[in-house]
């Protein structure tokens, strides 16, 4: 099997790859995400971000053989991207805006073969519906600290699950890596089968 490099510092993505039995090395260089045009459709935007991360990693890995896996996840409400909260009040405002409504989570994934640059990028969309959460419940959740490093100010794989009524689509996409799509691409395009 080819050597795998994960172009992400996300502990959640690393945990999902480990769960697939894949051995990998983390290589997460800084990439200037501000160069991506935010006016393009969200599904293209997340693919561009994933490609940017893979390209930055490839520059550091020149001379290596193997593949790079990168991903970027955004939370989108009414066409507006909700990033990571800047402070507790910002987290409370985001969660209040999501309360009782359905929003979308998009993840762009990119797989790049280092030695010849062969690259495949795709995206996945999942709809997430929040319960109508009270201000008190939101405040208590924010006080846990969990929302502060997460897009949209919640983590579906943690305490944030208590805020969610239902999802339509890939759960792992909301965590940060659409596992089914990733494994299909690895098998179809790179001849890497996890079984």
C-alpha atoms as a PDB file:
ATOM      1  CA  UNK A   1       0.000   0.000   0.000  1.00  0.00           C
ATOM      2  CA  UNK A   2       1.196   3.508  -0.803  1.00  0.00           C
ATOM      3  CA  UNK A   3       2.358   5.728   2.029  1.00  0.00           C
ATOM      4  CA  UNK A   4      -0.408   8.092   3.146  1.00  0.00           C
ATOM      5  CA  UNK A   5       0.046  11.657   4.349  1.00  0.00           C
ATOM      6  CA  UNK A   6      -2.807  13.484   6.067  1.00  0.00           C
ATOM      7  CA  UNK A   7      -2.711  17.209   5.287  1.00  0.00           C
ATOM      8  CA  UNK A   8      -4.723  18.163   8.362  1.00  0.00           C
ATOM      9  CA  UNK A   9      -4.052  18.873  12.008  1.00  0.00           C
ATOM     10  CA  UNK A  10      -7.622  17.869  12.939  1.00  0.00           C
ATOM     11  CA  UNK A  11      -7.603  15.174  15.632  1.00  0.00           C
ATOM     12  CA  UNK A  12     -11.074  14.122  14.443  1.00  0.00           C
ATOM     13  CA  UNK A  13      -9.887  13.430  10.887  1.00  0.00           C
ATOM     14  CA  UNK A  14      -6.882  11.509  12.196  1.00  0.00           C
ATOM     15  CA  UNK A  15      -9.159   9.428  14.421  1.00  0.00           C
ATOM     16  CA  UNK A  16     -11.443   8.590  11.478  1.00  0.00           C
ATOM     17  CA  UNK A  17      -8.487   7.478   9.327  1.00  0.00           C
ATOM     18  CA  UNK A  18      -7.157   5.349  12.177  1.00  0.00           C
ATOM     19  CA  UNK A  19     -10.626   3.805  12.474  1.00  0.00           C
ATOM     20  CA  UNK A  20     -10.287   2.666   8.859  1.00  0.00           C
ATOM     21  CA  UNK A  21      -7.061   0.866   9.749  1.00  0.00           C
ATOM     22  CA  UNK A  22      -4.959   3.223   7.619  1.00  0.00           C
ATOM     23  CA  UNK A  23      -1.423   4.100   8.656  1.00  0.00           C
ATOM     24  CA  UNK A  24      -0.470   7.673   7.857  1.00  0.00           C
ATOM     25  CA  UNK A  25       1.840  10.534   8.662  1.00  0.00           C
ATOM     26  CA  UNK A  26       0.500  13.992   9.440  1.00  0.00           C
ATOM     27  CA  UNK A  27       1.866  16.791   7.262  1.00  0.00           C
ATOM     28  CA  UNK A  28      -0.211  19.929   7.797  1.00  0.00           C
ATOM     29  CA  UNK A  29       1.579  22.997   6.437  1.00  0.00           C
ATOM     30  CA  UNK A  30       0.021  26.441   6.624  1.00  0.00           C
ATOM     31  CA  UNK A  31      -1.995  27.433   3.566  1.00  0.00           C
ATOM     32  CA  UNK A  32      -3.428  30.912   2.977  1.00  0.00           C
ATOM     33  CA  UNK A  33      -7.147  30.140   2.772  1.00  0.00           C
ATOM     34  CA  UNK A  34      -7.966  33.778   2.026  1.00  0.00           C
ATOM     35  CA  UNK A  35      -6.905  33.348  -1.597  1.00  0.00           C
ATOM     36  CA  UNK A  36      -9.990  31.220  -2.351  1.00  0.00           C
ATOM     37  CA  UNK A  37     -12.947  33.134  -3.835  1.00  0.00           C
ATOM     38  CA  UNK A  38     -15.805  32.877  -1.321  1.00  0.00           C
ATOM     39  CA  UNK A  39     -18.386  33.829  -3.961  1.00  0.00           C
ATOM     40  CA  UNK A  40     -18.159  30.476  -5.767  1.00  0.00           C
ATOM     41  CA  UNK A  41     -20.679  27.737  -4.853  1.00  0.00           C
ATOM     42  CA  UNK A  42     -19.986  26.189  -1.435  1.00  0.00           C
ATOM     43  CA  UNK A  43     -19.366  22.693  -2.842  1.00  0.00           C
ATOM     44  CA  UNK A  44     -16.634  24.135  -5.100  1.00  0.00           C
ATOM     45  CA  UNK A  45     -15.278  26.364  -2.322  1.00  0.00           C
ATOM     46  CA  UNK A  46     -14.581  23.410   0.030  1.00  0.00           C
ATOM     47  CA  UNK A  47     -12.938  21.454  -2.799  1.00  0.00           C
ATOM     48  CA  UNK A  48     -10.688  24.434  -3.558  1.00  0.00           C
ATOM     49  CA  UNK A  49      -9.713  24.635   0.135  1.00  0.00           C
ATOM     50  CA  UNK A  50      -8.902  20.909   0.233  1.00  0.00           C
ATOM     51  CA  UNK A  51      -6.842  21.234  -2.974  1.00  0.00           C
ATOM     52  CA  UNK A  52      -4.977  24.223  -1.512  1.00  0.00           C
ATOM     53  CA  UNK A  53      -4.033  22.159   1.566  1.00  0.00           C
ATOM     54  CA  UNK A  54      -2.959  19.156  -0.514  1.00  0.00           C
ATOM     55  CA  UNK A  55      -0.825  21.361  -2.768  1.00  0.00           C
ATOM     56  CA  UNK A  56       0.861  22.999   0.234  1.00  0.00           C
ATOM     57  CA  UNK A  57       1.646  19.550   1.662  1.00  0.00           C
ATOM     58  CA  UNK A  58       2.928  18.298  -1.717  1.00  0.00           C
ATOM     59  CA  UNK A  59       5.453  21.144  -1.829  1.00  0.00           C
ATOM     60  CA  UNK A  60       6.882  19.927   1.483  1.00  0.00           C
ATOM     61  CA  UNK A  61       6.841  16.281   0.389  1.00  0.00           C
ATOM     62  CA  UNK A  62       8.606  16.572  -2.979  1.00  0.00           C
ATOM     63  CA  UNK A  63      10.716  13.463  -3.509  1.00  0.00           C
ATOM     64  CA  UNK A  64       8.379  11.243  -1.481  1.00  0.00           C
ATOM     65  CA  UNK A  65       6.096   8.599  -2.919  1.00  0.00           C
ATOM     66  CA  UNK A  66       2.572   8.106  -1.707  1.00  0.00           C
ATOM     67  CA  UNK A  67      -0.670  10.016  -1.518  1.00  0.00           C
ATOM     68  CA  UNK A  68      -1.911  13.064   0.337  1.00  0.00           C
ATOM     69  CA  UNK A  69      -5.411  13.211   1.815  1.00  0.00           C
ATOM     70  CA  UNK A  70      -6.744  16.648   2.700  1.00  0.00           C
ATOM     71  CA  UNK A  71     -10.162  17.966   3.676  1.00  0.00           C
ATOM     72  CA  UNK A  72     -11.938  21.130   4.672  1.00  0.00           C
ATOM     73  CA  UNK A  73     -15.349  21.379   6.328  1.00  0.00           C
ATOM     74  CA  UNK A  74     -17.666  24.384   6.516  1.00  0.00           C
ATOM     75  CA  UNK A  75     -21.023  24.961   8.161  1.00  0.00           C
ATOM     76  CA  UNK A  76     -23.426  26.952   6.009  1.00  0.00           C
ATOM     77  CA  UNK A  77     -26.686  28.633   7.073  1.00  0.00           C
ATOM     78  CA  UNK A  78     -28.788  30.435   4.466  1.00  0.00           C
ATOM     79  CA  UNK A  79     -25.781  30.709   2.156  1.00  0.00           C
ATOM     80  CA  UNK A  80     -23.510  32.174   4.859  1.00  0.00           C
ATOM     81  CA  UNK A  81     -20.434  30.273   6.038  1.00  0.00           C
ATOM     82  CA  UNK A  82     -20.182  29.961   9.817  1.00  0.00           C
ATOM     83  CA  UNK A  83     -16.542  29.563  10.781  1.00  0.00           C
ATOM     84  CA  UNK A  84     -15.021  28.877  14.164  1.00  0.00           C
ATOM     85  CA  UNK A  85     -16.317  31.254  16.851  1.00  0.00           C
ATOM     86  CA  UNK A  86     -14.080  34.173  17.762  1.00  0.00           C
ATOM     87  CA  UNK A  87     -15.254  34.215  21.395  1.00  0.00           C
ATOM     88  CA  UNK A  88     -17.987  32.831  23.657  1.00  0.00           C
ATOM     89  CA  UNK A  89     -20.555  35.451  22.642  1.00  0.00           C
ATOM     90  CA  UNK A  90     -19.944  34.689  18.975  1.00  0.00           C
ATOM     91  CA  UNK A  91     -20.455  30.969  19.721  1.00  0.00           C
ATOM     92  CA  UNK A  92     -23.739  31.719  21.525  1.00  0.00           C
ATOM     93  CA  UNK A  93     -24.933  33.860  18.611  1.00  0.00           C
ATOM     94  CA  UNK A  94     -24.142  31.111  16.085  1.00  0.00           C
ATOM     95  CA  UNK A  95     -25.880  28.426  18.119  1.00  0.00           C
ATOM     96  CA  UNK A  96     -28.938  30.648  18.651  1.00  0.00           C
ATOM     97  CA  UNK A  97     -29.104  31.246  14.880  1.00  0.00           C
ATOM     98  CA  UNK A  98     -28.944  27.470  14.230  1.00  0.00           C
ATOM     99  CA  UNK A  99     -31.533  26.638  16.916  1.00  0.00           C
ATOM    100  CA  UNK A 100     -34.677  25.009  15.535  1.00  0.00           C
ATOM    101  CA  UNK A 101     -33.426  25.263  11.943  1.00  0.00           C
ATOM    102  CA  UNK A 102     -31.752  23.138   9.301  1.00  0.00           C
ATOM    103  CA  UNK A 103     -28.305  24.051   8.000  1.00  0.00           C
ATOM    104  CA  UNK A 104     -25.773  22.366   5.739  1.00  0.00           C
ATOM    105  CA  UNK A 105     -22.319  20.974   6.350  1.00  0.00           C
ATOM    106  CA  UNK A 106     -20.009  20.664   3.351  1.00  0.00           C
ATOM    107  CA  UNK A 107     -16.674  18.880   3.305  1.00  0.00           C
ATOM    108  CA  UNK A 108     -14.293  19.024   0.390  1.00  0.00           C
ATOM    109  CA  UNK A 109     -11.831  16.165   0.107  1.00  0.00           C
ATOM    110  CA  UNK A 110      -8.760  15.957  -2.063  1.00  0.00           C
ATOM    111  CA  UNK A 111      -6.503  12.988  -2.734  1.00  0.00           C
ATOM    112  CA  UNK A 112      -3.225  13.729  -4.524  1.00  0.00           C
ATOM    113  CA  UNK A 113      -0.528  11.296  -5.651  1.00  0.00           C
ATOM    114  CA  UNK A 114       2.777  13.005  -4.937  1.00  0.00           C
ATOM    115  CA  UNK A 115       5.082  11.626  -7.625  1.00  0.00           C
ATOM    116  CA  UNK A 116       2.880  12.474 -10.624  1.00  0.00           C
ATOM    117  CA  UNK A 117       0.391  15.004  -9.241  1.00  0.00           C
ATOM    118  CA  UNK A 118      -2.705  12.934 -10.102  1.00  0.00           C
ATOM    119  CA  UNK A 119      -5.481  14.557  -8.067  1.00  0.00           C
ATOM    120  CA  UNK A 120      -9.136  13.883  -7.349  1.00  0.00           C
ATOM    121  CA  UNK A 121     -11.336  16.361  -5.449  1.00  0.00           C
ATOM    122  CA  UNK A 122     -14.967  15.942  -4.464  1.00  0.00           C
ATOM    123  CA  UNK A 123     -17.391  17.282  -1.877  1.00  0.00           C
ATOM    124  CA  UNK A 124     -20.105  15.937   0.369  1.00  0.00           C
ATOM    125  CA  UNK A 125     -23.187  17.720   1.777  1.00  0.00           C
ATOM    126  CA  UNK A 126     -25.141  16.809   4.908  1.00  0.00           C
ATOM    127  CA  UNK A 127     -28.213  18.617   6.247  1.00  0.00           C
ATOM    128  CA  UNK A 128     -28.283  19.038  10.041  1.00  0.00           C
ATOM    129  CA  UNK A 129     -31.428  20.056  11.944  1.00  0.00           C
ATOM    130  CA  UNK A 130     -31.048  21.551  15.405  1.00  0.00           C
ATOM    131  CA  UNK A 131     -33.568  21.168  18.189  1.00  0.00           C
ATOM    132  CA  UNK A 132     -35.141  24.452  19.328  1.00  0.00           C
ATOM    133  CA  UNK A 133     -32.520  24.951  22.059  1.00  0.00           C
ATOM    134  CA  UNK A 134     -33.069  27.404  24.909  1.00  0.00           C
ATOM    135  CA  UNK A 135     -30.625  30.206  25.655  1.00  0.00           C
ATOM    136  CA  UNK A 136     -29.837  28.474  28.946  1.00  0.00           C
ATOM    137  CA  UNK A 137     -28.944  25.197  27.197  1.00  0.00           C
ATOM    138  CA  UNK A 138     -26.797  27.075  24.663  1.00  0.00           C
ATOM    139  CA  UNK A 139     -25.008  28.993  27.434  1.00  0.00           C
ATOM    140  CA  UNK A 140     -24.289  25.784  29.346  1.00  0.00           C
ATOM    141  CA  UNK A 141     -22.934  24.138  26.196  1.00  0.00           C
ATOM    142  CA  UNK A 142     -20.670  27.086  25.400  1.00  0.00           C
ATOM    143  CA  UNK A 143     -19.312  26.995  28.979  1.00  0.00           C
ATOM    144  CA  UNK A 144     -18.001  23.458  28.306  1.00  0.00           C
ATOM    145  CA  UNK A 145     -15.501  24.985  25.861  1.00  0.00           C
ATOM    146  CA  UNK A 146     -16.304  22.400  23.180  1.00  0.00           C
ATOM    147  CA  UNK A 147     -17.665  24.872  20.585  1.00  0.00           C
ATOM    148  CA  UNK A 148     -14.612  27.119  20.500  1.00  0.00           C
ATOM    149  CA  UNK A 149     -12.521  25.261  17.903  1.00  0.00           C
ATOM    150  CA  UNK A 150     -15.338  24.021  15.686  1.00  0.00           C
ATOM    151  CA  UNK A 151     -16.976  25.432  12.584  1.00  0.00           C
ATOM    152  CA  UNK A 152     -20.539  26.438  13.425  1.00  0.00           C
ATOM    153  CA  UNK A 153     -19.650  26.298  17.142  1.00  0.00           C
ATOM    154  CA  UNK A 154     -20.639  22.673  17.730  1.00  0.00           C
ATOM    155  CA  UNK A 155     -19.217  19.173  17.593  1.00  0.00           C
ATOM    156  CA  UNK A 156     -21.674  16.456  16.560  1.00  0.00           C
ATOM    157  CA  UNK A 157     -19.320  13.773  17.912  1.00  0.00           C
ATOM    158  CA  UNK A 158     -19.316  15.305  21.403  1.00  0.00           C
ATOM    159  CA  UNK A 159     -21.701  17.131  23.691  1.00  0.00           C
ATOM    160  CA  UNK A 160     -23.031  19.043  20.683  1.00  0.00           C
ATOM    161  CA  UNK A 161     -24.977  15.910  19.720  1.00  0.00           C
ATOM    162  CA  UNK A 162     -27.506  16.921  22.419  1.00  0.00           C
ATOM    163  CA  UNK A 163     -28.386  20.034  20.373  1.00  0.00           C
ATOM    164  CA  UNK A 164     -29.269  18.099  17.212  1.00  0.00           C
ATOM    165  CA  UNK A 165     -32.668  16.711  16.250  1.00  0.00           C
ATOM    166  CA  UNK A 166     -31.645  14.857  13.072  1.00  0.00           C
ATOM    167  CA  UNK A 167     -29.281  14.709  10.136  1.00  0.00           C
ATOM    168  CA  UNK A 168     -29.852  13.865   6.495  1.00  0.00           C
ATOM    169  CA  UNK A 169     -26.679  12.493   4.947  1.00  0.00           C
ATOM    170  CA  UNK A 170     -23.266  11.261   6.048  1.00  0.00           C
ATOM    171  CA  UNK A 171     -22.663  11.636   9.803  1.00  0.00           C
ATOM    172  CA  UNK A 172     -18.897  11.432   9.313  1.00  0.00           C
ATOM    173  CA  UNK A 173     -19.089  14.350   6.900  1.00  0.00           C
ATOM    174  CA  UNK A 174     -20.294  16.503   9.802  1.00  0.00           C
ATOM    175  CA  UNK A 175     -17.408  15.222  11.933  1.00  0.00           C
ATOM    176  CA  UNK A 176     -15.048  16.392   9.169  1.00  0.00           C
ATOM    177  CA  UNK A 177     -14.332  13.540   6.758  1.00  0.00           C
ATOM    178  CA  UNK A 178     -16.898  11.773   4.541  1.00  0.00           C
ATOM    179  CA  UNK A 179     -15.540   8.277   5.122  1.00  0.00           C
ATOM    180  CA  UNK A 180     -17.665   6.437   2.553  1.00  0.00           C
ATOM    181  CA  UNK A 181     -16.775   8.868  -0.237  1.00  0.00           C
ATOM    182  CA  UNK A 182     -13.099   8.816   0.758  1.00  0.00           C
ATOM    183  CA  UNK A 183     -12.843   5.025   0.744  1.00  0.00           C
ATOM    184  CA  UNK A 184     -14.670   4.818  -2.597  1.00  0.00           C
ATOM    185  CA  UNK A 185     -12.239   7.300  -4.157  1.00  0.00           C
ATOM    186  CA  UNK A 186      -9.220   5.511  -2.688  1.00  0.00           C
ATOM    187  CA  UNK A 187     -10.391   2.227  -4.188  1.00  0.00           C
ATOM    188  CA  UNK A 188     -11.635   3.513  -7.542  1.00  0.00           C
ATOM    189  CA  UNK A 189      -8.951   6.097  -8.348  1.00  0.00           C
ATOM    190  CA  UNK A 190      -5.879   4.935  -6.384  1.00  0.00           C
ATOM    191  CA  UNK A 191      -6.368   1.152  -6.097  1.00  0.00           C
ATOM    192  CA  UNK A 192      -6.263   1.314  -2.296  1.00  0.00           C
ATOM    193  CA  UNK A 193      -8.777  -0.991  -0.633  1.00  0.00           C
ATOM    194  CA  UNK A 194      -9.233  -0.817   3.147  1.00  0.00           C
ATOM    195  CA  UNK A 195     -10.456  -4.423   3.351  1.00  0.00           C
END
